[in-house]
């Protein structure tokens, strides 16, 4: 069994100047690039939303970004439009060093379902590709870095742990949005799940 580096959503729309920029996002890129050199298996997740995605505030008249709505599968924060398929904002940050052998796993491409986790969509029924990619590579242990600590990193890490992977989240390789203390809550949830803080 082997290990893998999973890089979460280091895309232009989550970096400086993007509509959903994570504070200090670019600071993690040198850390991530250094970590890449130590792994034979590198996987990048990519938010890949269609126009009119359910997570966009613009899809819900009367709602502003960062407000909350109810969906059939639970409460949803609505965001500024971001990472729309085929746009520059959905592209990986140009400073990210991506190995030729890396695998890209897209998520959030179902119009009516969010997908914070790369393991499954938030509808609870539709699996994502990450689990299959990891098992095909005989991976037992993963290190996670990327954006954002309190959303896609958190949910991917929790799903990985629930599926039996040994999981480390590299703190210096992550940054969070931090809505009302959500980063601290995310670390608490990860530690309670047995996820290592690297």
N, C-alpha and C. Protein backbone atom coordinates (compact mmCIF):
# COMPACT_ATOMS: atom_id res chain seq x y z
N UNK A 1 0.85 -1.19 0.00
CA UNK A 1 0.00 0.00 0.00
C UNK A 1 0.89 1.24 0.00
N UNK A 2 0.38 2.32 -0.60
CA UNK A 2 1.19 3.52 -0.77
C UNK A 2 0.47 4.74 -0.20
N UNK A 3 1.11 5.90 -0.37
CA UNK A 3 0.53 7.15 0.11
C UNK A 3 0.31 8.09 -1.07
N UNK A 4 -0.52 9.10 -0.86
CA UNK A 4 -0.84 10.05 -1.92
C UNK A 4 -0.98 11.44 -1.33
N UNK A 5 -0.68 12.42 -2.16
CA UNK A 5 -0.95 13.82 -1.83
C UNK A 5 -2.21 14.24 -2.58
N UNK A 6 -3.19 14.75 -1.83
CA UNK A 6 -4.44 15.22 -2.43
C UNK A 6 -4.49 16.74 -2.27
N UNK A 7 -4.50 17.43 -3.41
CA UNK A 7 -4.46 18.89 -3.44
C UNK A 7 -5.86 19.39 -3.79
N UNK A 8 -6.44 20.14 -2.86
CA UNK A 8 -7.84 20.54 -2.99
C UNK A 8 -7.97 21.95 -3.58
N UNK A 9 -8.50 22.05 -4.78
CA UNK A 9 -9.09 23.29 -5.34
C UNK A 9 -8.20 24.53 -5.31
N UNK A 10 -6.93 24.41 -5.68
CA UNK A 10 -6.10 25.61 -5.77
C UNK A 10 -6.33 26.23 -7.15
N UNK A 11 -7.46 26.91 -7.24
CA UNK A 11 -7.97 27.46 -8.50
C UNK A 11 -8.04 28.98 -8.42
N UNK A 12 -8.04 29.62 -9.58
CA UNK A 12 -7.96 31.08 -9.62
C UNK A 12 -9.08 31.77 -8.87
N UNK A 13 -10.29 31.24 -8.93
CA UNK A 13 -11.40 31.92 -8.27
C UNK A 13 -11.31 31.88 -6.75
N UNK A 14 -10.47 31.00 -6.20
CA UNK A 14 -10.27 30.93 -4.75
C UNK A 14 -9.02 31.70 -4.32
N UNK A 15 -8.33 32.30 -5.28
CA UNK A 15 -7.09 33.04 -4.98
C UNK A 15 -7.33 34.53 -5.15
N UNK A 16 -6.31 35.33 -4.87
CA UNK A 16 -6.44 36.79 -4.87
C UNK A 16 -7.07 37.28 -6.16
N UNK A 17 -8.07 38.15 -6.03
CA UNK A 17 -8.77 38.69 -7.18
C UNK A 17 -9.97 37.88 -7.62
N UNK A 18 -10.12 36.67 -7.09
CA UNK A 18 -11.25 35.83 -7.45
C UNK A 18 -12.49 36.20 -6.68
N UNK A 19 -13.67 35.81 -7.16
CA UNK A 19 -14.92 36.17 -6.49
C UNK A 19 -15.11 35.48 -5.14
N UNK A 20 -14.38 34.39 -4.91
CA UNK A 20 -14.47 33.69 -3.63
C UNK A 20 -13.05 33.45 -3.10
N UNK A 21 -12.27 34.53 -3.09
CA UNK A 21 -10.87 34.43 -2.68
C UNK A 21 -10.75 34.05 -1.21
N UNK A 22 -9.94 33.04 -0.95
CA UNK A 22 -9.63 32.61 0.42
C UNK A 22 -8.46 33.46 0.91
N UNK A 23 -8.58 34.07 2.09
CA UNK A 23 -7.50 34.93 2.58
C UNK A 23 -6.15 34.20 2.59
N UNK A 24 -5.14 34.85 2.04
CA UNK A 24 -3.76 34.36 2.06
C UNK A 24 -3.58 33.06 1.29
N UNK A 25 -4.43 32.81 0.32
CA UNK A 25 -4.42 31.53 -0.39
C UNK A 25 -3.08 31.24 -1.05
N UNK A 26 -2.48 32.26 -1.68
CA UNK A 26 -1.25 32.02 -2.44
C UNK A 26 -0.08 31.58 -1.55
N UNK A 27 -0.17 31.85 -0.25
CA UNK A 27 0.93 31.50 0.66
C UNK A 27 1.14 29.99 0.74
N UNK A 28 0.13 29.22 0.40
CA UNK A 28 0.29 27.76 0.51
C UNK A 28 0.98 27.16 -0.71
N UNK A 29 1.05 27.88 -1.80
CA UNK A 29 1.54 27.27 -3.05
C UNK A 29 2.99 26.80 -2.94
N UNK A 30 3.93 27.58 -2.38
CA UNK A 30 5.29 27.04 -2.22
C UNK A 30 5.33 25.79 -1.34
N UNK A 31 4.49 25.74 -0.32
CA UNK A 31 4.43 24.56 0.56
C UNK A 31 3.96 23.35 -0.24
N UNK A 32 2.90 23.54 -1.01
CA UNK A 32 2.35 22.45 -1.81
C UNK A 32 3.35 21.98 -2.85
N UNK A 33 4.00 22.92 -3.52
CA UNK A 33 4.98 22.53 -4.54
C UNK A 33 6.12 21.72 -3.94
N UNK A 34 6.52 22.04 -2.75
CA UNK A 34 7.58 21.27 -2.09
C UNK A 34 7.08 19.87 -1.73
N UNK A 35 5.85 19.77 -1.23
CA UNK A 35 5.29 18.47 -0.87
C UNK A 35 5.13 17.57 -2.09
N UNK A 36 4.76 18.15 -3.22
CA UNK A 36 4.56 17.36 -4.45
C UNK A 36 5.77 16.50 -4.76
N UNK A 37 6.95 17.04 -4.51
CA UNK A 37 8.20 16.33 -4.85
C UNK A 37 8.39 15.05 -4.03
N UNK A 38 7.66 14.92 -2.94
CA UNK A 38 7.83 13.75 -2.08
C UNK A 38 6.82 12.64 -2.30
N UNK A 39 5.93 12.79 -3.29
CA UNK A 39 4.88 11.80 -3.52
C UNK A 39 4.90 11.29 -4.96
N UNK A 40 4.75 9.99 -5.10
CA UNK A 40 4.61 9.40 -6.43
C UNK A 40 3.19 9.55 -6.96
N UNK A 41 2.21 9.58 -6.03
CA UNK A 41 0.80 9.72 -6.41
C UNK A 41 0.30 11.08 -5.96
N UNK A 42 -0.05 11.91 -6.94
CA UNK A 42 -0.56 13.25 -6.67
C UNK A 42 -1.91 13.39 -7.37
N UNK A 43 -2.90 13.84 -6.61
CA UNK A 43 -4.26 14.00 -7.13
C UNK A 43 -4.70 15.42 -6.83
N UNK A 44 -5.25 16.09 -7.84
CA UNK A 44 -5.78 17.43 -7.67
C UNK A 44 -7.29 17.39 -7.84
N UNK A 45 -8.02 18.01 -6.91
CA UNK A 45 -9.45 18.18 -7.12
C UNK A 45 -9.69 19.55 -7.75
N UNK A 46 -10.76 19.61 -8.52
CA UNK A 46 -11.09 20.84 -9.26
C UNK A 46 -12.59 21.08 -9.19
N UNK A 47 -12.98 22.18 -8.52
CA UNK A 47 -14.37 22.61 -8.57
C UNK A 47 -14.72 22.88 -10.03
N UNK A 48 -15.87 22.38 -10.49
CA UNK A 48 -16.18 22.42 -11.91
C UNK A 48 -17.70 22.61 -12.06
N UNK A 49 -18.15 23.83 -11.74
CA UNK A 49 -19.59 24.08 -11.65
C UNK A 49 -20.19 24.48 -13.00
N UNK A 50 -21.38 24.00 -13.29
CA UNK A 50 -22.11 24.51 -14.45
C UNK A 50 -22.69 25.90 -14.14
N UNK A 51 -23.01 26.64 -15.18
CA UNK A 51 -23.73 27.90 -15.00
C UNK A 51 -25.03 27.62 -14.27
N UNK A 52 -25.38 28.48 -13.31
CA UNK A 52 -26.62 28.30 -12.57
C UNK A 52 -26.56 27.25 -11.48
N UNK A 53 -25.37 26.93 -11.03
CA UNK A 53 -25.22 25.89 -10.01
C UNK A 53 -26.00 26.24 -8.74
N UNK A 54 -26.49 25.21 -8.07
CA UNK A 54 -27.34 25.38 -6.90
C UNK A 54 -26.64 26.13 -5.76
N UNK A 55 -25.31 26.10 -5.73
CA UNK A 55 -24.59 26.76 -4.64
C UNK A 55 -24.37 28.26 -4.89
N UNK A 56 -24.77 28.76 -6.06
CA UNK A 56 -24.56 30.16 -6.39
C UNK A 56 -25.72 31.00 -5.85
N UNK A 57 -25.38 32.08 -5.16
CA UNK A 57 -26.43 33.00 -4.70
C UNK A 57 -27.26 33.52 -5.86
N UNK A 58 -26.63 33.70 -7.01
CA UNK A 58 -27.34 34.22 -8.19
C UNK A 58 -28.43 33.27 -8.68
N UNK A 59 -28.39 32.02 -8.24
CA UNK A 59 -29.41 31.05 -8.62
C UNK A 59 -30.64 31.11 -7.73
N UNK A 60 -30.60 31.97 -6.70
CA UNK A 60 -31.68 32.05 -5.72
C UNK A 60 -32.06 33.51 -5.51
N UNK A 61 -33.00 34.01 -6.30
CA UNK A 61 -33.39 35.42 -6.19
C UNK A 61 -33.73 35.81 -4.75
N UNK A 62 -33.22 36.96 -4.35
CA UNK A 62 -33.46 37.45 -3.00
C UNK A 62 -32.41 37.03 -1.99
N UNK A 63 -31.47 36.18 -2.40
CA UNK A 63 -30.41 35.74 -1.50
C UNK A 63 -29.08 36.36 -1.92
N UNK A 64 -28.31 36.72 -0.92
CA UNK A 64 -27.00 37.33 -1.18
C UNK A 64 -25.92 36.31 -0.83
N UNK A 65 -24.71 36.47 -1.41
CA UNK A 65 -23.64 35.55 -1.07
C UNK A 65 -23.40 35.45 0.43
N UNK A 66 -23.14 34.22 0.88
CA UNK A 66 -22.84 33.85 2.26
C UNK A 66 -24.10 33.74 3.13
N UNK A 67 -25.27 33.91 2.52
CA UNK A 67 -26.50 33.61 3.25
C UNK A 67 -26.78 32.11 3.14
N UNK A 68 -27.81 31.65 3.81
CA UNK A 68 -28.11 30.21 3.87
C UNK A 68 -29.50 29.93 3.35
N UNK A 69 -29.61 28.79 2.66
CA UNK A 69 -30.89 28.33 2.16
C UNK A 69 -31.08 26.88 2.58
N UNK A 70 -32.31 26.40 2.42
CA UNK A 70 -32.57 24.99 2.66
C UNK A 70 -32.72 24.25 1.34
N UNK A 71 -32.01 23.14 1.21
CA UNK A 71 -32.13 22.27 0.06
C UNK A 71 -32.62 20.91 0.54
N UNK A 72 -33.05 20.03 -0.37
CA UNK A 72 -33.55 18.72 0.07
C UNK A 72 -32.56 17.94 0.92
N UNK A 73 -31.25 18.13 0.69
CA UNK A 73 -30.26 17.37 1.46
C UNK A 73 -29.70 18.17 2.64
N UNK A 74 -30.29 19.34 2.93
CA UNK A 74 -29.86 20.09 4.12
C UNK A 74 -29.59 21.55 3.83
N UNK A 75 -29.00 22.21 4.83
CA UNK A 75 -28.71 23.64 4.70
C UNK A 75 -27.53 23.86 3.76
N UNK A 76 -27.61 24.93 2.99
CA UNK A 76 -26.56 25.27 2.03
C UNK A 76 -26.21 26.75 2.15
N UNK A 77 -24.91 27.04 2.33
CA UNK A 77 -24.44 28.41 2.17
C UNK A 77 -24.39 28.68 0.67
N UNK A 78 -24.87 29.86 0.27
CA UNK A 78 -24.78 30.21 -1.15
C UNK A 78 -23.61 31.18 -1.34
N UNK A 79 -22.89 30.98 -2.43
CA UNK A 79 -21.63 31.65 -2.67
C UNK A 79 -21.71 32.55 -3.90
N UNK A 80 -20.74 33.45 -4.05
CA UNK A 80 -20.61 34.12 -5.35
C UNK A 80 -20.36 33.07 -6.44
N UNK A 81 -20.80 33.35 -7.65
CA UNK A 81 -20.51 32.44 -8.76
C UNK A 81 -19.00 32.20 -8.83
N UNK A 82 -18.59 30.94 -8.94
CA UNK A 82 -17.16 30.63 -8.94
C UNK A 82 -16.90 29.32 -9.67
N UNK A 83 -15.69 29.19 -10.20
CA UNK A 83 -15.21 27.95 -10.83
C UNK A 83 -16.21 27.39 -11.83
N UNK A 84 -16.70 28.27 -12.69
CA UNK A 84 -17.63 27.84 -13.74
C UNK A 84 -16.84 27.11 -14.82
N UNK A 85 -17.38 26.01 -15.26
CA UNK A 85 -16.71 25.13 -16.22
C UNK A 85 -16.17 25.91 -17.42
N UNK A 86 -14.90 25.68 -17.74
CA UNK A 86 -14.31 26.26 -18.92
C UNK A 86 -13.83 27.70 -18.78
N UNK A 87 -13.98 28.30 -17.60
CA UNK A 87 -13.55 29.68 -17.41
C UNK A 87 -12.15 29.73 -16.81
N UNK A 88 -11.52 30.89 -16.91
CA UNK A 88 -10.20 31.07 -16.31
C UNK A 88 -10.27 30.87 -14.80
N UNK A 89 -11.37 31.28 -14.19
CA UNK A 89 -11.50 31.14 -12.74
C UNK A 89 -11.46 29.70 -12.26
N UNK A 90 -11.83 28.78 -13.13
CA UNK A 90 -11.82 27.36 -12.77
C UNK A 90 -10.45 26.72 -12.96
N UNK A 91 -9.54 27.43 -13.63
CA UNK A 91 -8.21 26.87 -13.88
C UNK A 91 -7.37 26.85 -12.61
N UNK A 92 -6.42 25.93 -12.56
CA UNK A 92 -5.49 25.89 -11.44
C UNK A 92 -4.58 27.12 -11.48
N UNK A 93 -4.17 27.57 -10.29
CA UNK A 93 -3.28 28.72 -10.20
C UNK A 93 -2.00 28.42 -10.97
N UNK A 94 -1.52 29.39 -11.73
CA UNK A 94 -0.38 29.17 -12.62
C UNK A 94 0.90 28.84 -11.88
N UNK A 95 1.02 29.22 -10.60
CA UNK A 95 2.24 28.94 -9.84
C UNK A 95 2.27 27.52 -9.27
N UNK A 96 1.16 26.82 -9.38
CA UNK A 96 1.10 25.46 -8.87
C UNK A 96 1.86 24.53 -9.81
N UNK A 97 2.81 23.77 -9.28
CA UNK A 97 3.61 22.86 -10.08
C UNK A 97 2.92 21.50 -10.13
N UNK A 98 2.36 21.19 -11.27
CA UNK A 98 1.54 19.98 -11.42
C UNK A 98 2.34 18.92 -12.18
N UNK A 99 2.62 17.79 -11.54
CA UNK A 99 3.35 16.74 -12.25
C UNK A 99 2.55 16.19 -13.43
N UNK A 100 3.25 15.77 -14.46
CA UNK A 100 2.57 15.20 -15.63
C UNK A 100 1.76 13.97 -15.26
N UNK A 101 2.19 13.26 -14.22
CA UNK A 101 1.52 12.03 -13.83
C UNK A 101 0.32 12.27 -12.91
N UNK A 102 0.06 13.52 -12.53
CA UNK A 102 -1.03 13.81 -11.58
C UNK A 102 -2.39 13.49 -12.20
N UNK A 103 -3.32 13.13 -11.35
CA UNK A 103 -4.70 12.87 -11.74
C UNK A 103 -5.58 14.02 -11.27
N UNK A 104 -6.46 14.50 -12.13
CA UNK A 104 -7.41 15.55 -11.77
C UNK A 104 -8.79 14.93 -11.55
N UNK A 105 -9.37 15.21 -10.39
CA UNK A 105 -10.71 14.74 -10.04
C UNK A 105 -11.62 15.95 -9.95
N UNK A 106 -12.58 16.04 -10.85
CA UNK A 106 -13.51 17.17 -10.84
C UNK A 106 -14.71 16.89 -9.94
N UNK A 107 -15.21 17.94 -9.34
CA UNK A 107 -16.36 17.81 -8.44
C UNK A 107 -17.27 19.03 -8.59
N UNK A 108 -18.49 18.92 -8.08
CA UNK A 108 -19.43 20.04 -8.14
C UNK A 108 -20.02 20.26 -9.52
N UNK A 109 -19.97 19.24 -10.37
CA UNK A 109 -20.44 19.41 -11.74
C UNK A 109 -21.92 19.08 -11.92
N UNK A 110 -22.57 18.57 -10.88
CA UNK A 110 -24.01 18.35 -10.95
C UNK A 110 -24.72 19.65 -10.56
N UNK A 111 -25.60 20.12 -11.40
CA UNK A 111 -26.19 21.45 -11.21
C UNK A 111 -26.98 21.56 -9.91
N UNK A 112 -27.63 20.49 -9.50
CA UNK A 112 -28.52 20.55 -8.34
C UNK A 112 -27.91 20.00 -7.06
N UNK A 113 -26.60 19.81 -7.04
CA UNK A 113 -25.96 19.27 -5.83
C UNK A 113 -24.58 19.87 -5.64
N UNK A 114 -24.30 20.35 -4.44
CA UNK A 114 -22.96 20.80 -4.09
C UNK A 114 -22.07 19.58 -3.86
N UNK A 115 -20.78 19.79 -3.82
CA UNK A 115 -19.85 18.69 -3.58
C UNK A 115 -18.61 19.22 -2.90
N UNK A 116 -18.70 19.47 -1.59
CA UNK A 116 -17.52 19.89 -0.85
C UNK A 116 -16.49 18.76 -0.80
N UNK A 117 -16.97 17.54 -0.66
CA UNK A 117 -16.09 16.38 -0.60
C UNK A 117 -15.81 15.86 -2.01
N UNK A 118 -14.58 15.42 -2.23
CA UNK A 118 -14.25 14.80 -3.51
C UNK A 118 -14.64 13.32 -3.54
N UNK A 119 -15.19 12.83 -2.44
CA UNK A 119 -15.61 11.43 -2.38
C UNK A 119 -17.07 11.24 -2.78
N UNK A 120 -17.90 12.25 -2.56
CA UNK A 120 -19.31 12.11 -2.92
C UNK A 120 -19.95 13.50 -3.00
N UNK A 121 -21.07 13.55 -3.70
CA UNK A 121 -21.83 14.78 -3.79
C UNK A 121 -22.70 14.92 -2.54
N UNK A 122 -23.11 16.15 -2.27
CA UNK A 122 -23.85 16.40 -1.03
C UNK A 122 -25.27 15.85 -1.07
N UNK A 123 -25.70 15.32 -2.20
CA UNK A 123 -27.00 14.66 -2.22
C UNK A 123 -26.95 13.33 -1.48
N UNK A 124 -25.74 12.89 -1.12
CA UNK A 124 -25.60 11.66 -0.35
C UNK A 124 -25.75 10.39 -1.17
N UNK A 125 -25.99 10.53 -2.46
CA UNK A 125 -26.24 9.36 -3.31
C UNK A 125 -25.22 9.20 -4.43
N UNK A 126 -24.68 10.31 -4.89
CA UNK A 126 -23.82 10.27 -6.07
C UNK A 126 -22.35 10.25 -5.67
N UNK A 127 -21.64 9.17 -5.96
CA UNK A 127 -20.23 9.11 -5.58
C UNK A 127 -19.36 9.99 -6.47
N UNK A 128 -18.27 10.48 -5.91
CA UNK A 128 -17.24 11.15 -6.70
C UNK A 128 -16.18 10.14 -7.12
N UNK A 129 -15.14 10.63 -7.80
CA UNK A 129 -14.13 9.73 -8.37
C UNK A 129 -12.97 9.43 -7.42
N UNK A 130 -12.81 10.21 -6.36
CA UNK A 130 -11.57 10.13 -5.60
C UNK A 130 -11.32 8.76 -5.00
N UNK A 131 -12.33 8.16 -4.42
CA UNK A 131 -12.14 6.86 -3.78
C UNK A 131 -11.63 5.83 -4.79
N UNK A 132 -12.21 5.81 -5.97
CA UNK A 132 -11.79 4.86 -6.99
C UNK A 132 -10.35 5.09 -7.43
N UNK A 133 -9.98 6.36 -7.58
CA UNK A 133 -8.61 6.69 -7.99
C UNK A 133 -7.61 6.22 -6.94
N UNK A 134 -7.93 6.46 -5.67
CA UNK A 134 -7.03 6.07 -4.59
C UNK A 134 -6.90 4.55 -4.50
N UNK A 135 -8.01 3.85 -4.62
CA UNK A 135 -7.97 2.39 -4.49
C UNK A 135 -7.25 1.76 -5.67
N UNK A 136 -7.42 2.32 -6.84
CA UNK A 136 -6.71 1.80 -8.00
C UNK A 136 -5.20 1.93 -7.84
N UNK A 137 -4.79 3.00 -7.14
CA UNK A 137 -3.36 3.22 -6.89
C UNK A 137 -2.87 2.54 -5.61
N UNK A 138 -3.74 1.76 -4.95
CA UNK A 138 -3.42 1.02 -3.73
C UNK A 138 -2.94 1.96 -2.62
N UNK A 139 -3.63 3.08 -2.49
CA UNK A 139 -3.28 4.08 -1.48
C UNK A 139 -4.00 3.76 -0.17
N UNK A 140 -3.25 3.80 0.92
CA UNK A 140 -3.82 3.61 2.25
C UNK A 140 -3.75 4.87 3.10
N UNK A 141 -2.83 5.75 2.76
CA UNK A 141 -2.60 6.94 3.57
C UNK A 141 -2.54 8.16 2.67
N UNK A 142 -3.24 9.23 3.06
CA UNK A 142 -3.23 10.44 2.25
C UNK A 142 -2.87 11.66 3.09
N UNK A 143 -2.21 12.59 2.44
CA UNK A 143 -2.01 13.93 3.00
C UNK A 143 -2.83 14.89 2.16
N UNK A 144 -3.55 15.77 2.84
CA UNK A 144 -4.43 16.72 2.17
C UNK A 144 -3.92 18.14 2.39
N UNK A 145 -3.92 18.91 1.32
CA UNK A 145 -3.60 20.34 1.36
C UNK A 145 -4.60 21.06 0.46
N UNK A 146 -4.68 22.39 0.60
CA UNK A 146 -5.49 23.15 -0.34
C UNK A 146 -6.48 24.09 0.28
N UNK A 147 -7.56 24.34 -0.47
CA UNK A 147 -8.55 25.36 -0.15
C UNK A 147 -9.96 24.76 -0.21
N UNK A 148 -10.78 25.09 0.70
CA UNK A 148 -10.52 25.84 1.92
C UNK A 148 -10.61 24.89 3.11
N UNK A 149 -9.82 25.17 4.13
CA UNK A 149 -9.74 24.30 5.30
C UNK A 149 -11.11 23.91 5.83
N UNK A 150 -12.01 24.89 5.91
CA UNK A 150 -13.28 24.72 6.60
C UNK A 150 -14.41 24.21 5.71
N UNK A 151 -14.12 23.94 4.44
CA UNK A 151 -15.15 23.42 3.56
C UNK A 151 -14.64 22.19 2.79
N UNK A 152 -14.02 22.37 1.66
CA UNK A 152 -13.66 21.21 0.84
C UNK A 152 -12.55 20.37 1.45
N UNK A 153 -11.58 21.00 2.12
CA UNK A 153 -10.56 20.21 2.83
C UNK A 153 -11.21 19.40 3.95
N UNK A 154 -12.01 20.06 4.76
CA UNK A 154 -12.68 19.39 5.88
C UNK A 154 -13.50 18.19 5.40
N UNK A 155 -14.38 18.40 4.45
CA UNK A 155 -15.30 17.34 4.06
C UNK A 155 -14.61 16.21 3.31
N UNK A 156 -13.57 16.53 2.56
CA UNK A 156 -12.80 15.48 1.91
C UNK A 156 -12.04 14.66 2.95
N UNK A 157 -11.46 15.33 3.94
CA UNK A 157 -10.72 14.62 5.00
C UNK A 157 -11.64 13.72 5.81
N UNK A 158 -12.81 14.22 6.19
CA UNK A 158 -13.75 13.41 6.98
C UNK A 158 -14.23 12.20 6.19
N UNK A 159 -14.51 12.40 4.90
CA UNK A 159 -14.96 11.27 4.07
C UNK A 159 -13.86 10.25 3.89
N UNK A 160 -12.62 10.71 3.75
CA UNK A 160 -11.49 9.78 3.62
C UNK A 160 -11.34 8.95 4.88
N UNK A 161 -11.42 9.60 6.01
CA UNK A 161 -11.28 8.88 7.30
C UNK A 161 -12.40 7.86 7.46
N UNK A 162 -13.61 8.24 7.09
CA UNK A 162 -14.75 7.33 7.22
C UNK A 162 -14.59 6.11 6.33
N UNK A 163 -13.81 6.23 5.26
CA UNK A 163 -13.57 5.11 4.36
C UNK A 163 -12.32 4.32 4.71
N UNK A 164 -11.72 4.65 5.84
CA UNK A 164 -10.63 3.84 6.35
C UNK A 164 -9.24 4.29 5.99
N UNK A 165 -9.11 5.41 5.32
CA UNK A 165 -7.78 5.92 5.00
C UNK A 165 -7.15 6.57 6.25
N UNK A 166 -5.84 6.47 6.34
CA UNK A 166 -5.10 7.27 7.32
C UNK A 166 -4.93 8.66 6.70
N UNK A 167 -5.29 9.69 7.45
CA UNK A 167 -5.37 11.03 6.88
C UNK A 167 -4.57 12.02 7.71
N UNK A 168 -3.73 12.80 7.03
CA UNK A 168 -3.06 13.95 7.63
C UNK A 168 -3.46 15.18 6.82
N UNK A 169 -3.85 16.24 7.53
CA UNK A 169 -4.08 17.53 6.88
C UNK A 169 -2.91 18.43 7.24
N UNK A 170 -2.18 18.87 6.23
CA UNK A 170 -1.00 19.70 6.45
C UNK A 170 -1.45 21.15 6.66
N UNK A 171 -1.33 21.63 7.89
CA UNK A 171 -1.88 22.94 8.25
C UNK A 171 -1.24 24.07 7.45
N UNK A 172 0.07 24.02 7.25
CA UNK A 172 0.72 25.10 6.51
C UNK A 172 0.38 25.07 5.02
N UNK A 173 -0.17 23.97 4.55
CA UNK A 173 -0.58 23.85 3.16
C UNK A 173 -2.05 24.10 2.94
N UNK A 174 -2.72 24.71 3.92
CA UNK A 174 -4.16 24.99 3.81
C UNK A 174 -4.46 26.42 4.27
N UNK A 175 -5.52 26.97 3.77
CA UNK A 175 -6.08 28.22 4.27
C UNK A 175 -7.60 28.09 4.24
N UNK A 176 -8.25 28.84 5.16
CA UNK A 176 -9.70 28.74 5.28
C UNK A 176 -10.42 30.04 5.02
N UNK A 177 -11.72 29.93 4.80
CA UNK A 177 -12.58 31.10 4.62
C UNK A 177 -12.90 31.73 5.97
N UNK A 178 -13.18 30.89 6.96
CA UNK A 178 -13.41 31.28 8.36
C UNK A 178 -14.63 32.18 8.53
N UNK A 179 -15.80 31.61 8.26
CA UNK A 179 -17.06 32.28 8.55
C UNK A 179 -17.45 31.99 9.98
N UNK A 180 -17.42 32.99 10.83
CA UNK A 180 -17.86 32.86 12.23
C UNK A 180 -17.16 31.72 12.97
N UNK A 181 -15.84 31.64 12.80
CA UNK A 181 -15.08 30.63 13.53
C UNK A 181 -15.09 29.25 12.90
N UNK A 182 -15.40 29.18 11.61
CA UNK A 182 -15.55 27.86 10.98
C UNK A 182 -14.22 27.12 10.84
N UNK A 183 -13.09 27.82 10.80
CA UNK A 183 -11.81 27.11 10.71
C UNK A 183 -11.53 26.35 12.00
N UNK A 184 -11.71 26.99 13.14
CA UNK A 184 -11.49 26.31 14.42
C UNK A 184 -12.42 25.11 14.57
N UNK A 185 -13.66 25.28 14.17
CA UNK A 185 -14.60 24.15 14.24
C UNK A 185 -14.18 23.01 13.32
N UNK A 186 -13.64 23.38 12.17
CA UNK A 186 -13.19 22.34 11.23
C UNK A 186 -12.05 21.52 11.82
N UNK A 187 -11.06 22.18 12.41
CA UNK A 187 -9.95 21.45 13.02
C UNK A 187 -10.45 20.56 14.15
N UNK A 188 -11.39 21.06 14.93
CA UNK A 188 -11.93 20.24 16.02
C UNK A 188 -12.62 18.99 15.49
N UNK A 189 -13.41 19.14 14.44
CA UNK A 189 -14.09 17.99 13.85
C UNK A 189 -13.08 16.99 13.27
N UNK A 190 -12.05 17.49 12.62
CA UNK A 190 -11.06 16.59 12.03
C UNK A 190 -10.30 15.84 13.11
N UNK A 191 -9.89 16.55 14.16
CA UNK A 191 -9.16 15.88 15.24
C UNK A 191 -10.04 14.84 15.94
N UNK A 192 -11.33 15.15 16.13
CA UNK A 192 -12.25 14.18 16.74
C UNK A 192 -12.40 12.93 15.88
N UNK A 193 -12.21 13.07 14.57
CA UNK A 193 -12.34 11.94 13.65
C UNK A 193 -11.05 11.14 13.52
N UNK A 194 -10.01 11.57 14.21
CA UNK A 194 -8.74 10.83 14.15
C UNK A 194 -7.86 11.26 13.00
N UNK A 195 -8.10 12.45 12.48
CA UNK A 195 -7.27 12.99 11.40
C UNK A 195 -6.08 13.71 12.00
N UNK A 196 -4.91 13.41 11.50
CA UNK A 196 -3.69 14.03 12.03
C UNK A 196 -3.53 15.45 11.49
N UNK A 197 -3.02 16.31 12.31
CA UNK A 197 -2.76 17.70 11.93
C UNK A 197 -1.27 17.85 11.72
N UNK A 198 -0.86 17.96 10.46
CA UNK A 198 0.55 17.96 10.15
C UNK A 198 1.15 19.35 10.00
